[in-house]
Structure formats: C-alpha cells, structure tokens
Amino acid sequence: MEFSQIALNHGLTFLAWTTGIVILVVGGFLVKLLIDLSALSKNLNETSILVNTELKPTLKEVNETLQAVNALVRSTDKNVDSFKSAVEKTFGKTKLISESIVSGLVKGFVTVMGLFAKK
C-alpha cells in the first residue's frame, strides 16, 4: 500500500507541475494575444484617422467636379433646346413655303386644265 501511495503521490505531483506549466504557457500566449490586439486596434485607429483626413478633400474635389459636369450638361441642354427650336422654326417655315408652292402649282394646274377643258 505504501508503494501505491507513493506512486499516486508522484503522479499527482507530476500532474500538478504539468498543469502549472501548461497554464503558464497558455497565459503567456494570452498576454501576447492581448498585446497584439492592442497594437492592432491602435493601428486601425490611426488608419481610420488617416483615411478620414485624406478622404474629405477627395470627396470635396469629386463634389466640385460633379457640379462642374452638371453645369456643363445644363448648358449643353439649353444649347440643344435652342438649336432644336431653331431647326423646328426653319422646318416650319420651309413647310409653309413648300405647302404654298405645292398649293399654287395645284391651283395653276387646275386653272390650266380648266382652260383646256373649255376649248
């Protein structure tokens, strides 16, 4: 019985030492993990600040560019509308002139036919 008591005592002592060593190793890795996560969060914060400071001027420039393009499109739209109305007026007058010429030719042709038909 003494031998089994000694073996059990040595086994429990070995188990206690092994558990302590494993807990120390895992604790060391947890501390390293926490330190790395802290450094990562600091870097992430610095990156977000940098992106924020660099992104604001870029967005301002994009906004100004879009306003310039919008003004250009509006100006082009006005010019296209004025050209369209000028073309419509021109074709309207041309249509009137061509209708007058055609109606005059038809009347002239009817008159000539009427004169030849009487003779």
PDB file of N, CA and C in Angstrom:
ATOM      1  N   MET A   1       0.784  -1.169   0.000  1.00  0.00           N
ATOM      2  CA  MET A   1       0.000   0.000   0.000  1.00  0.00           C
ATOM      3  C   MET A   1       0.853   1.271   0.000  1.00  0.00           C
ATOM      4  N   GLU A   2       1.972   1.191   0.659  1.00  0.00           N
ATOM      5  CA  GLU A   2       2.832   2.341   0.669  1.00  0.00           C
ATOM      6  C   GLU A   2       3.359   2.648  -0.728  1.00  0.00           C
ATOM      7  N   PHE A   3       3.625   1.587  -1.470  1.00  0.00           N
ATOM      8  CA  PHE A   3       4.127   1.782  -2.826  1.00  0.00           C
ATOM      9  C   PHE A   3       3.068   2.451  -3.707  1.00  0.00           C
ATOM     10  N   SER A   4       1.831   2.018  -3.589  1.00  0.00           N
ATOM     11  CA  SER A   4       0.770   2.626  -4.376  1.00  0.00           C
ATOM     12  C   SER A   4       0.533   4.066  -3.911  1.00  0.00           C
ATOM     13  N   GLN A   5       0.712   4.320  -2.636  1.00  0.00           N
ATOM     14  CA  GLN A   5       0.553   5.663  -2.098  1.00  0.00           C
ATOM     15  C   GLN A   5       1.655   6.566  -2.649  1.00  0.00           C
ATOM     16  N   ILE A   6       2.864   6.079  -2.734  1.00  0.00           N
ATOM     17  CA  ILE A   6       3.989   6.853  -3.269  1.00  0.00           C
ATOM     18  C   ILE A   6       3.795   7.091  -4.765  1.00  0.00           C
ATOM     19  N   ALA A   7       3.366   6.075  -5.493  1.00  0.00           N
ATOM     20  CA  ALA A   7       3.136   6.221  -6.936  1.00  0.00           C
ATOM     21  C   ALA A   7       2.026   7.227  -7.205  1.00  0.00           C
ATOM     22  N   LEU A   8       0.984   7.138  -6.400  1.00  0.00           N
ATOM     23  CA  LEU A   8      -0.119   8.086  -6.545  1.00  0.00           C
ATOM     24  C   LEU A   8       0.354   9.492  -6.224  1.00  0.00           C
ATOM     25  N   ASN A   9       1.189   9.653  -5.200  1.00  0.00           N
ATOM     26  CA  ASN A   9       1.719  10.952  -4.818  1.00  0.00           C
ATOM     27  C   ASN A   9       2.598  11.523  -5.931  1.00  0.00           C
ATOM     28  N   HIS A  10       3.474  10.684  -6.508  1.00  0.00           N
ATOM     29  CA  HIS A  10       4.326  11.139  -7.612  1.00  0.00           C
ATOM     30  C   HIS A  10       3.479  11.506  -8.833  1.00  0.00           C
ATOM     31  N   GLY A  11       2.459  10.735  -9.117  1.00  0.00           N
ATOM     32  CA  GLY A  11       1.575  11.009 -10.255  1.00  0.00           C
ATOM     33  C   GLY A  11       0.841  12.328 -10.096  1.00  0.00           C
ATOM     34  N   LEU A  12       0.332  12.571  -8.892  1.00  0.00           N
ATOM     35  CA  LEU A  12      -0.379  13.823  -8.633  1.00  0.00           C
ATOM     36  C   LEU A  12       0.569  15.014  -8.671  1.00  0.00           C
ATOM     37  N   THR A  13       1.794  14.819  -8.167  1.00  0.00           N
ATOM     38  CA  THR A  13       2.784  15.897  -8.220  1.00  0.00           C
ATOM     39  C   THR A  13       3.133  16.226  -9.676  1.00  0.00           C
ATOM     40  N   PHE A  14       3.346  15.204 -10.476  1.00  0.00           N
ATOM     41  CA  PHE A  14       3.639  15.407 -11.912  1.00  0.00           C
ATOM     42  C   PHE A  14       2.467  16.110 -12.608  1.00  0.00           C
ATOM     43  N   LEU A  15       1.271  15.685 -12.291  1.00  0.00           N
ATOM     44  CA  LEU A  15       0.089  16.309 -12.876  1.00  0.00           C
ATOM     45  C   LEU A  15      -0.018  17.772 -12.470  1.00  0.00           C
ATOM     46  N   ALA A  16       0.274  18.098 -11.226  1.00  0.00           N
ATOM     47  CA  ALA A  16       0.212  19.479 -10.751  1.00  0.00           C
ATOM     48  C   ALA A  16       1.257  20.338 -11.460  1.00  0.00           C
ATOM     49  N   TRP A  17       2.497  19.835 -11.556  1.00  0.00           N
ATOM     50  CA  TRP A  17       3.543  20.588 -12.261  1.00  0.00           C
ATOM     51  C   TRP A  17       3.207  20.772 -13.744  1.00  0.00           C
ATOM     52  N   THR A  18       2.739  19.726 -14.369  1.00  0.00           N
ATOM     53  CA  THR A  18       2.387  19.814 -15.797  1.00  0.00           C
ATOM     54  C   THR A  18       1.250  20.811 -16.001  1.00  0.00           C
ATOM     55  N   THR A  19       0.245  20.763 -15.154  1.00  0.00           N
ATOM     56  CA  THR A  19      -0.879  21.709 -15.253  1.00  0.00           C
ATOM     57  C   THR A  19      -0.392  23.136 -15.062  1.00  0.00           C
ATOM     58  N   GLY A  20       0.484  23.360 -14.098  1.00  0.00           N
ATOM     59  CA  GLY A  20       1.036  24.694 -13.866  1.00  0.00           C
ATOM     60  C   GLY A  20       1.806  25.206 -15.073  1.00  0.00           C
ATOM     61  N   ILE A  21       2.630  24.339 -15.654  1.00  0.00           N
ATOM     62  CA  ILE A  21       3.406  24.746 -16.831  1.00  0.00           C
ATOM     63  C   ILE A  21       2.479  25.078 -18.006  1.00  0.00           C
ATOM     64  N   VAL A  22       1.459  24.233 -18.227  1.00  0.00           N
ATOM     65  CA  VAL A  22       0.517  24.479 -19.328  1.00  0.00           C
ATOM     66  C   VAL A  22      -0.241  25.781 -19.094  1.00  0.00           C
ATOM     67  N   ILE A  23      -0.651  26.033 -17.857  1.00  0.00           N
ATOM     68  CA  ILE A  23      -1.356  27.277 -17.552  1.00  0.00           C
ATOM     69  C   ILE A  23      -0.447  28.476 -17.784  1.00  0.00           C
ATOM     70  N   LEU A  24       0.836  28.370 -17.415  1.00  0.00           N
ATOM     71  CA  LEU A  24       1.777  29.470 -17.667  1.00  0.00           C
ATOM     72  C   LEU A  24       1.970  29.713 -19.164  1.00  0.00           C
ATOM     73  N   VAL A  25       2.109  28.635 -19.949  1.00  0.00           N
ATOM     74  CA  VAL A  25       2.301  28.785 -21.401  1.00  0.00           C
ATOM     75  C   VAL A  25       1.063  29.418 -22.033  1.00  0.00           C
ATOM     76  N   VAL A  26      -0.111  28.897 -21.678  1.00  0.00           N
ATOM     77  CA  VAL A  26      -1.355  29.458 -22.234  1.00  0.00           C
ATOM     78  C   VAL A  26      -1.528  30.902 -21.790  1.00  0.00           C
ATOM     79  N   GLY A  27      -1.216  31.204 -20.529  1.00  0.00           N
ATOM     80  CA  GLY A  27      -1.285  32.587 -20.042  1.00  0.00           C
ATOM     81  C   GLY A  27      -0.343  33.499 -20.807  1.00  0.00           C
ATOM     82  N   GLY A  28       0.871  33.017 -21.079  1.00  0.00           N
ATOM     83  CA  GLY A  28       1.826  33.809 -21.866  1.00  0.00           C
ATOM     84  C   GLY A  28       1.290  34.108 -23.257  1.00  0.00           C
ATOM     85  N   PHE A  29       0.703  33.086 -23.906  1.00  0.00           N
ATOM     86  CA  PHE A  29       0.130  33.314 -25.240  1.00  0.00           C
ATOM     87  C   PHE A  29      -1.065  34.262 -25.181  1.00  0.00           C
ATOM     88  N   LEU A  30      -1.865  34.177 -24.116  1.00  0.00           N
ATOM     89  CA  LEU A  30      -2.993  35.104 -23.976  1.00  0.00           C
ATOM     90  C   LEU A  30      -2.514  36.542 -23.788  1.00  0.00           C
ATOM     91  N   VAL A  31      -1.441  36.717 -23.001  1.00  0.00           N
ATOM     92  CA  VAL A  31      -0.887  38.058 -22.819  1.00  0.00           C
ATOM     93  C   VAL A  31      -0.358  38.589 -24.147  1.00  0.00           C
ATOM     94  N   LYS A  32       0.367  37.742 -24.902  1.00  0.00           N
ATOM     95  CA  LYS A  32       0.870  38.159 -26.224  1.00  0.00           C
ATOM     96  C   LYS A  32      -0.287  38.495 -27.155  1.00  0.00           C
ATOM     97  N   LEU A  33      -1.357  37.700 -27.120  1.00  0.00           N
ATOM     98  CA  LEU A  33      -2.525  37.969 -27.946  1.00  0.00           C
ATOM     99  C   LEU A  33      -3.151  39.311 -27.588  1.00  0.00           C
ATOM    100  N   LEU A  34      -3.271  39.597 -26.310  1.00  0.00           N
ATOM    101  CA  LEU A  34      -3.838  40.880 -25.888  1.00  0.00           C
ATOM    102  C   LEU A  34      -2.960  42.050 -26.310  1.00  0.00           C
ATOM    103  N   ILE A  35      -1.645  41.883 -26.220  1.00  0.00           N
ATOM    104  CA  ILE A  35      -0.725  42.944 -26.651  1.00  0.00           C
ATOM    105  C   ILE A  35      -0.849  43.171 -28.155  1.00  0.00           C
ATOM    106  N   ASP A  36      -0.905  42.085 -28.938  1.00  0.00           N
ATOM    107  CA  ASP A  36      -1.054  42.208 -30.394  1.00  0.00           C
ATOM    108  C   ASP A  36      -2.391  42.840 -30.765  1.00  0.00           C
ATOM    109  N   LEU A  37      -3.464  42.473 -30.073  1.00  0.00           N
ATOM    110  CA  LEU A  37      -4.772  43.074 -30.343  1.00  0.00           C
ATOM    111  C   LEU A  37      -4.781  44.559 -30.006  1.00  0.00           C
ATOM    112  N   SER A  38      -4.072  44.943 -28.952  1.00  0.00           N
ATOM    113  CA  SER A  38      -3.970  46.356 -28.597  1.00  0.00           C
ATOM    114  C   SER A  38      -3.227  47.130 -29.689  1.00  0.00           C
ATOM    115  N   ALA A  39      -2.120  46.560 -30.158  1.00  0.00           N
ATOM    116  CA  ALA A  39      -1.365  47.217 -31.245  1.00  0.00           C
ATOM    117  C   ALA A  39      -2.206  47.293 -32.519  1.00  0.00           C
ATOM    118  N   LEU A  40      -2.956  46.233 -32.791  1.00  0.00           N
ATOM    119  CA  LEU A  40      -3.812  46.229 -33.983  1.00  0.00           C
ATOM    120  C   LEU A  40      -4.891  47.295 -33.893  1.00  0.00           C
ATOM    121  N   SER A  41      -5.497  47.436 -32.723  1.00  0.00           N
ATOM    122  CA  SER A  41      -6.542  48.457 -32.570  1.00  0.00           C
ATOM    123  C   SER A  41      -5.952  49.863 -32.694  1.00  0.00           C
ATOM    124  N   LYS A  42      -4.729  50.075 -32.202  1.00  0.00           N
ATOM    125  CA  LYS A  42      -4.082  51.380 -32.364  1.00  0.00           C
ATOM    126  C   LYS A  42      -3.816  51.662 -33.843  1.00  0.00           C
ATOM    127  N   ASN A  43      -3.300  50.663 -34.555  1.00  0.00           N
ATOM    128  CA  ASN A  43      -3.045  50.840 -35.985  1.00  0.00           C
ATOM    129  C   ASN A  43      -4.336  51.083 -36.757  1.00  0.00           C
ATOM    130  N   LEU A  44      -5.384  50.378 -36.380  1.00  0.00           N
ATOM    131  CA  LEU A  44      -6.672  50.560 -37.042  1.00  0.00           C
ATOM    132  C   LEU A  44      -7.212  51.959 -36.792  1.00  0.00           C
ATOM    133  N   ASN A  45      -7.053  52.452 -35.599  1.00  0.00           N
ATOM    134  CA  ASN A  45      -7.492  53.804 -35.273  1.00  0.00           C
ATOM    135  C   ASN A  45      -6.704  54.834 -36.076  1.00  0.00           C
ATOM    136  N   GLU A  46      -5.387  54.679 -36.153  1.00  0.00           N
ATOM    137  CA  GLU A  46      -4.555  55.605 -36.935  1.00  0.00           C
ATOM    138  C   GLU A  46      -4.927  55.548 -38.415  1.00  0.00           C
ATOM    139  N   THR A  47      -5.193  54.341 -38.914  1.00  0.00           N
ATOM    140  CA  THR A  47      -5.569  54.189 -40.319  1.00  0.00           C
ATOM    141  C   THR A  47      -6.900  54.867 -40.600  1.00  0.00           C
ATOM    142  N   SER A  48      -7.859  54.698 -39.709  1.00  0.00           N
ATOM    143  CA  SER A  48      -9.161  55.335 -39.919  1.00  0.00           C
ATOM    144  C   SER A  48      -9.047  56.855 -39.866  1.00  0.00           C
ATOM    145  N   ILE A  49      -8.207  57.382 -38.974  1.00  0.00           N
ATOM    146  CA  ILE A  49      -7.993  58.836 -38.916  1.00  0.00           C
ATOM    147  C   ILE A  49      -7.346  59.318 -40.209  1.00  0.00           C
ATOM    148  N   LEU A  50      -6.345  58.573 -40.692  1.00  0.00           N
ATOM    149  CA  LEU A  50      -5.664  58.947 -41.932  1.00  0.00           C
ATOM    150  C   LEU A  50      -6.613  58.912 -43.117  1.00  0.00           C
ATOM    151  N   VAL A  51      -7.411  57.862 -43.205  1.00  0.00           N
ATOM    152  CA  VAL A  51      -8.372  57.753 -44.307  1.00  0.00           C
ATOM    153  C   VAL A  51      -9.385  58.882 -44.219  1.00  0.00           C
ATOM    154  N   ASN A  52      -9.821  59.198 -43.020  1.00  0.00           N
ATOM    155  CA  ASN A  52     -10.796  60.267 -42.851  1.00  0.00           C
ATOM    156  C   ASN A  52     -10.223  61.607 -43.304  1.00  0.00           C
ATOM    157  N   THR A  53      -8.984  61.901 -42.915  1.00  0.00           N
ATOM    158  CA  THR A  53      -8.391  63.182 -43.297  1.00  0.00           C
ATOM    159  C   THR A  53      -8.084  63.240 -44.790  1.00  0.00           C
ATOM    160  N   GLU A  54      -7.756  62.112 -45.392  1.00  0.00           N
ATOM    161  CA  GLU A  54      -7.450  62.107 -46.824  1.00  0.00           C
ATOM    162  C   GLU A  54      -8.712  62.021 -47.668  1.00  0.00           C
ATOM    163  N   LEU A  55      -9.753  61.449 -47.131  1.00  0.00           N
ATOM    164  CA  LEU A  55     -10.968  61.237 -47.910  1.00  0.00           C
ATOM    165  C   LEU A  55     -11.806  62.501 -48.026  1.00  0.00           C
ATOM    166  N   LYS A  56     -11.785  63.339 -47.009  1.00  0.00           N
ATOM    167  CA  LYS A  56     -12.582  64.570 -47.054  1.00  0.00           C
ATOM    168  C   LYS A  56     -12.194  65.467 -48.228  1.00  0.00           C
ATOM    169  N   PRO A  57     -10.903  65.784 -48.445  1.00  0.00           N
ATOM    170  CA  PRO A  57     -10.558  66.617 -49.605  1.00  0.00           C
ATOM    171  C   PRO A  57     -10.885  65.931 -50.936  1.00  0.00           C
ATOM    172  N   THR A  58     -10.713  64.625 -50.975  1.00  0.00           N
ATOM    173  CA  THR A  58     -11.015  63.907 -52.207  1.00  0.00           C
ATOM    174  C   THR A  58     -12.505  63.983 -52.522  1.00  0.00           C
ATOM    175  N   LEU A  59     -13.324  63.784 -51.517  1.00  0.00           N
ATOM    176  CA  LEU A  59     -14.771  63.883 -51.723  1.00  0.00           C
ATOM    177  C   LEU A  59     -15.177  65.308 -52.097  1.00  0.00           C
ATOM    178  N   LYS A  60     -14.491  66.294 -51.527  1.00  0.00           N
ATOM    179  CA  LYS A  60     -14.781  67.686 -51.880  1.00  0.00           C
ATOM    180  C   LYS A  60     -14.452  67.930 -53.355  1.00  0.00           C
ATOM    181  N   GLU A  61     -13.311  67.415 -53.810  1.00  0.00           N
ATOM    182  CA  GLU A  61     -12.931  67.578 -55.221  1.00  0.00           C
ATOM    183  C   GLU A  61     -13.909  66.857 -56.138  1.00  0.00           C
ATOM    184  N   VAL A  62     -14.333  65.671 -55.738  1.00  0.00           N
ATOM    185  CA  VAL A  62     -15.308  64.925 -56.547  1.00  0.00           C
ATOM    186  C   VAL A  62     -16.618  65.696 -56.629  1.00  0.00           C
ATOM    187  N   ASN A  63     -17.032  66.283 -55.506  1.00  0.00           N
ATOM    188  CA  ASN A  63     -18.262  67.066 -55.490  1.00  0.00           C
ATOM    189  C   ASN A  63     -18.156  68.272 -56.420  1.00  0.00           C
ATOM    190  N   GLU A  64     -17.015  68.977 -56.370  1.00  0.00           N
ATOM    191  CA  GLU A  64     -16.811  70.128 -57.253  1.00  0.00           C
ATOM    192  C   GLU A  64     -16.802  69.698 -58.718  1.00  0.00           C
ATOM    193  N   THR A  65     -16.173  68.567 -59.001  1.00  0.00           N
ATOM    194  CA  THR A  65     -16.137  68.064 -60.374  1.00  0.00           C
ATOM    195  C   THR A  65     -17.534  67.727 -60.861  1.00  0.00           C
ATOM    196  N   LEU A  66     -18.314  67.087 -60.005  1.00  0.00           N
ATOM    197  CA  LEU A  66     -19.680  66.741 -60.386  1.00  0.00           C
ATOM    198  C   LEU A  66     -20.530  67.987 -60.609  1.00  0.00           C
ATOM    199  N   GLN A  67     -20.299  69.028 -59.807  1.00  0.00           N
ATOM    200  CA  GLN A  67     -21.027  70.275 -60.021  1.00  0.00           C
ATOM    201  C   GLN A  67     -20.641  70.905 -61.349  1.00  0.00           C
ATOM    202  N   ALA A  68     -19.350  70.854 -61.702  1.00  0.00           N
ATOM    203  CA  ALA A  68     -18.906  71.406 -62.988  1.00  0.00           C
ATOM    204  C   ALA A  68     -19.503  70.616 -64.146  1.00  0.00           C
ATOM    205  N   VAL A  69     -19.520  69.296 -64.023  1.00  0.00           N
ATOM    206  CA  VAL A  69     -20.107  68.466 -65.079  1.00  0.00           C
ATOM    207  C   VAL A  69     -21.601  68.741 -65.186  1.00  0.00           C
ATOM    208  N   ASN A  70     -22.264  68.910 -64.045  1.00  0.00           N
ATOM    209  CA  ASN A  70     -23.694  69.210 -64.048  1.00  0.00           C
ATOM    210  C   ASN A  70     -23.963  70.547 -64.738  1.00  0.00           C
ATOM    211  N   ALA A  71     -23.152  71.563 -64.459  1.00  0.00           N
ATOM    212  CA  ALA A  71     -23.308  72.861 -65.109  1.00  0.00           C
ATOM    213  C   ALA A  71     -23.076  72.739 -66.612  1.00  0.00           C
ATOM    214  N   LEU A  72     -22.077  71.946 -66.999  1.00  0.00           N
ATOM    215  CA  LEU A  72     -21.804  71.739 -68.421  1.00  0.00           C
ATOM    216  C   LEU A  72     -22.975  71.049 -69.106  1.00  0.00           C
ATOM    217  N   VAL A  73     -23.538  70.053 -68.443  1.00  0.00           N
ATOM    218  CA  VAL A  73     -24.687  69.336 -69.034  1.00  0.00           C
ATOM    219  C   VAL A  73     -25.884  70.260 -69.156  1.00  0.00           C
ATOM    220  N   ARG A  74     -26.122  71.085 -68.133  1.00  0.00           N
ATOM    221  CA  ARG A  74     -27.241  72.041 -68.212  1.00  0.00           C
ATOM    222  C   ARG A  74     -27.046  73.022 -69.354  1.00  0.00           C
ATOM    223  N   SER A  75     -25.828  73.533 -69.502  1.00  0.00           N
ATOM    224  CA  SER A  75     -25.532  74.467 -70.589  1.00  0.00           C
ATOM    225  C   SER A  75     -25.728  73.797 -71.944  1.00  0.00           C
ATOM    226  N   THR A  76     -25.240  72.568 -72.052  1.00  0.00           N
ATOM    227  CA  THR A  76     -25.413  71.824 -73.303  1.00  0.00           C
ATOM    228  C   THR A  76     -26.878  71.576 -73.580  1.00  0.00           C
ATOM    229  N   ASP A  77     -27.634  71.271 -72.553  1.00  0.00           N
ATOM    230  CA  ASP A  77     -29.067  71.027 -72.713  1.00  0.00           C
ATOM    231  C   ASP A  77     -29.774  72.282 -73.205  1.00  0.00           C
ATOM    232  N   LYS A  78     -29.399  73.433 -72.637  1.00  0.00           N
ATOM    233  CA  LYS A  78     -30.001  74.695 -73.102  1.00  0.00           C
ATOM    234  C   LYS A  78     -29.653  74.949 -74.565  1.00  0.00           C
ATOM    235  N   ASN A  79     -28.388  74.720 -74.930  1.00  0.00           N
ATOM    236  CA  ASN A  79     -27.971  74.942 -76.317  1.00  0.00           C
ATOM    237  C   ASN A  79     -28.674  73.976 -77.267  1.00  0.00           C
ATOM    238  N   VAL A  80     -28.847  72.739 -76.846  1.00  0.00           N
ATOM    239  CA  VAL A  80     -29.551  71.768 -77.690  1.00  0.00           C
ATOM    240  C   VAL A  80     -31.003  72.183 -77.855  1.00  0.00           C
ATOM    241  N   ASP A  81     -31.616  72.665 -76.767  1.00  0.00           N
ATOM    242  CA  ASP A  81     -33.005  73.122 -76.870  1.00  0.00           C
ATOM    243  C   ASP A  81     -33.136  74.304 -77.815  1.00  0.00           C
ATOM    244  N   SER A  82     -32.208  75.264 -77.736  1.00  0.00           N
ATOM    245  CA  SER A  82     -32.284  76.421 -78.639  1.00  0.00           C
ATOM    246  C   SER A  82     -32.032  75.988 -80.083  1.00  0.00           C
ATOM    247  N   PHE A  83     -31.106  75.044 -80.286  1.00  0.00           N
ATOM    248  CA  PHE A  83     -30.871  74.538 -81.646  1.00  0.00           C
ATOM    249  C   PHE A  83     -32.097  73.799 -82.156  1.00  0.00           C
ATOM    250  N   LYS A  84     -32.730  73.036 -81.278  1.00  0.00           N
ATOM    251  CA  LYS A  84     -33.923  72.289 -81.660  1.00  0.00           C
ATOM    252  C   LYS A  84     -35.044  73.243 -82.059  1.00  0.00           C
ATOM    253  N   SER A  85     -35.229  74.298 -81.275  1.00  0.00           N
ATOM    254  CA  SER A  85     -36.290  75.255 -81.613  1.00  0.00           C
ATOM    255  C   SER A  85     -35.953  75.996 -82.907  1.00  0.00           C
ATOM    256  N   ALA A  86     -34.677  76.298 -83.135  1.00  0.00           N
ATOM    257  CA  ALA A  86     -34.287  76.956 -84.388  1.00  0.00           C
ATOM    258  C   ALA A  86     -34.543  76.035 -85.580  1.00  0.00           C
ATOM    259  N   VAL A  87     -34.225  74.765 -85.428  1.00  0.00           N
ATOM    260  CA  VAL A  87     -34.467  73.799 -86.509  1.00  0.00           C
ATOM    261  C   VAL A  87     -35.963  73.652 -86.747  1.00  0.00           C
ATOM    262  N   GLU A  88     -36.740  73.612 -85.674  1.00  0.00           N
ATOM    263  CA  GLU A  88     -38.194  73.496 -85.825  1.00  0.00           C
ATOM    264  C   GLU A  88     -38.762  74.722 -86.529  1.00  0.00           C
ATOM    265  N   LYS A  89     -38.284  75.904 -86.191  1.00  0.00           N
ATOM    266  CA  LYS A  89     -38.760  77.125 -86.859  1.00  0.00           C
ATOM    267  C   LYS A  89     -38.392  77.091 -88.342  1.00  0.00           C
ATOM    268  N   THR A  90     -37.145  76.668 -88.610  1.00  0.00           N
ATOM    269  CA  THR A  90     -36.697  76.622 -90.007  1.00  0.00           C
ATOM    270  C   THR A  90     -37.531  75.625 -90.805  1.00  0.00           C
ATOM    271  N   PHE A  91     -37.717  74.430 -90.256  1.00  0.00           N
ATOM    272  CA  PHE A  91     -38.513  73.439 -90.973  1.00  0.00           C
ATOM    273  C   PHE A  91     -39.977  73.843 -91.037  1.00  0.00           C
ATOM    274  N   GLY A  92     -40.459  74.573 -90.021  1.00  0.00           N
ATOM    275  CA  GLY A  92     -41.838  75.072 -90.052  1.00  0.00           C
ATOM    276  C   GLY A  92     -42.017  76.061 -91.187  1.00  0.00           C
ATOM    277  N   LYS A  93     -41.058  76.989 -91.336  1.00  0.00           N
ATOM    278  CA  LYS A  93     -41.127  77.957 -92.434  1.00  0.00           C
ATOM    279  C   LYS A  93     -40.963  77.258 -93.781  1.00  0.00           C
ATOM    280  N   THR A  94     -40.058  76.306 -93.838  1.00  0.00           N
ATOM    281  CA  THR A  94     -39.858  75.548 -95.080  1.00  0.00           C
ATOM    282  C   THR A  94     -41.119  74.786 -95.439  1.00  0.00           C
ATOM    283  N   LYS A  95     -41.772  74.238 -94.446  1.00  0.00           N
ATOM    284  CA  LYS A  95     -43.014  73.504 -94.683  1.00  0.00           C
ATOM    285  C   LYS A  95     -44.091  74.449 -95.212  1.00  0.00           C
ATOM    286  N   LEU A  96     -44.180  75.645 -94.615  1.00  0.00           N
ATOM    287  CA  LEU A  96     -45.154  76.629 -95.090  1.00  0.00           C
ATOM    288  C   LEU A  96     -44.877  77.018 -96.543  1.00  0.00           C
ATOM    289  N   ILE A  97     -43.606  77.263 -96.832  1.00  0.00           N
ATOM    290  CA  ILE A  97     -43.236  77.664 -98.198  1.00  0.00           C
ATOM    291  C   ILE A  97     -43.531  76.539 -99.175  1.00  0.00           C
ATOM    292  N   SER A  98     -43.166  75.308 -98.815  1.00  0.00           N
ATOM    293  CA  SER A  98     -43.406  74.190 -99.723  1.00  0.00           C
ATOM    294  C   SER A  98     -44.896  73.933 -99.885  1.00  0.00           C
ATOM    295  N   GLU A  99     -45.693  74.109 -98.818  1.00  0.00           N
ATOM    296  CA  GLU A  99     -47.144  73.944 -98.958  1.00  0.00           C
ATOM    297  C   GLU A  99     -47.723  75.019 -99.861  1.00  0.00           C
ATOM    298  N   SER A 100     -47.219  76.270 -99.746  1.00  0.00           N
ATOM    299  CA  SER A 100     -47.712  77.345-100.607  1.00  0.00           C
ATOM    300  C   SER A 100     -47.359  77.070-102.071  1.00  0.00           C
ATOM    301  N   ILE A 101     -46.118  76.593-102.273  1.00  0.00           N
ATOM    302  CA  ILE A 101     -45.704  76.310-103.656  1.00  0.00           C
ATOM    303  C   ILE A 101     -46.535  75.179-104.231  1.00  0.00           C
ATOM    304  N   VAL A 102     -46.721  74.128-103.457  1.00  0.00           N
ATOM    305  CA  VAL A 102     -47.495  72.981-103.941  1.00  0.00           C
ATOM    306  C   VAL A 102     -48.938  73.390-104.199  1.00  0.00           C
ATOM    307  N   SER A 103     -49.524  74.153-103.254  1.00  0.00           N
ATOM    308  CA  SER A 103     -50.918  74.562-103.464  1.00  0.00           C
ATOM    309  C   SER A 103     -51.019  75.505-104.664  1.00  0.00           C
ATOM    310  N   GLY A 104     -50.023  76.379-104.858  1.00  0.00           N
ATOM    311  CA  GLY A 104     -50.024  77.267-106.039  1.00  0.00           C
ATOM    312  C   GLY A 104     -49.890  76.470-107.324  1.00  0.00           C
ATOM    313  N   LEU A 105     -49.029  75.448-107.315  1.00  0.00           N
ATOM    314  CA  LEU A 105     -48.887  74.605-108.506  1.00  0.00           C
ATOM    315  C   LEU A 105     -50.174  73.844-108.803  1.00  0.00           C
ATOM    316  N   VAL A 106     -50.826  73.352-107.766  1.00  0.00           N
ATOM    317  CA  VAL A 106     -52.080  72.614-107.962  1.00  0.00           C
ATOM    318  C   VAL A 106     -53.148  73.551-108.516  1.00  0.00           C
ATOM    319  N   LYS A 107     -53.253  74.751-107.938  1.00  0.00           N
ATOM    320  CA  LYS A 107     -54.249  75.723-108.427  1.00  0.00           C
ATOM    321  C   LYS A 107     -53.949  76.101-109.883  1.00  0.00           C
ATOM    322  N   GLY A 108     -52.655  76.321-110.165  1.00  0.00           N
ATOM    323  CA  GLY A 108     -52.267  76.660-111.540  1.00  0.00           C
ATOM    324  C   GLY A 108     -52.593  75.519-112.493  1.00  0.00           C
ATOM    325  N   PHE A 109     -52.305  74.307-112.067  1.00  0.00           N
ATOM    326  CA  PHE A 109     -52.589  73.146-112.914  1.00  0.00           C
ATOM    327  C   PHE A 109     -54.096  72.994-113.138  1.00  0.00           C
ATOM    328  N   VAL A 110     -54.889  73.206-112.071  1.00  0.00           N
ATOM    329  CA  VAL A 110     -56.364  73.118-112.204  1.00  0.00           C
ATOM    330  C   VAL A 110     -56.849  74.214-113.129  1.00  0.00           C
ATOM    331  N   THR A 111     -56.303  75.412-113.028  1.00  0.00           N
ATOM    332  CA  THR A 111     -56.718  76.518-113.893  1.00  0.00           C
ATOM    333  C   THR A 111     -56.382  76.219-115.350  1.00  0.00           C
ATOM    334  N   VAL A 112     -55.170  75.729-115.598  1.00  0.00           N
ATOM    335  CA  VAL A 112     -54.764  75.409-116.975  1.00  0.00           C
ATOM    336  C   VAL A 112     -55.644  74.301-117.518  1.00  0.00           C
ATOM    337  N   MET A 113     -55.909  73.307-116.693  1.00  0.00           N
ATOM    338  CA  MET A 113     -56.775  72.198-117.145  1.00  0.00           C
ATOM    339  C   MET A 113     -58.181  72.707-117.427  1.00  0.00           C
ATOM    340  N   GLY A 114     -58.630  73.661-116.604  1.00  0.00           N
ATOM    341  CA  GLY A 114     -59.963  74.244-116.822  1.00  0.00           C
ATOM    342  C   GLY A 114     -60.009  75.007-118.132  1.00  0.00           C
ATOM    343  N   LEU A 115     -58.916  75.719-118.462  1.00  0.00           N
ATOM    344  CA  LEU A 115     -58.876  76.470-119.721  1.00  0.00           C
ATOM    345  C   LEU A 115     -58.859  75.534-120.921  1.00  0.00           C
ATOM    346  N   PHE A 116     -58.063  74.449-120.824  1.00  0.00           N
ATOM    347  CA  PHE A 116     -58.006  73.499-121.946  1.00  0.00           C
ATOM    348  C   PHE A 116     -59.310  72.702-122.070  1.00  0.00           C
ATOM    349  N   ALA A 117     -59.952  72.492-120.929  1.00  0.00           N
ATOM    350  CA  ALA A 117     -61.187  71.710-120.979  1.00  0.00           C
ATOM    351  C   ALA A 117     -62.304  72.513-121.621  1.00  0.00           C
ATOM    352  N   LYS A 118     -62.324  73.837-121.504  1.00  0.00           N
ATOM    353  CA  LYS A 118     -63.348  74.692-122.119  1.00  0.00           C
ATOM    354  C   LYS A 118     -63.167  74.763-123.620  1.00  0.00           C
ATOM    355  N   LYS A 119     -62.002  74.637-124.130  1.00  0.00           N
ATOM    356  CA  LYS A 119     -61.777  74.791-125.571  1.00  0.00           C
ATOM    357  C   LYS A 119     -61.982  73.552-126.264  1.00  0.00           C
TER     358      LYS A 119
END
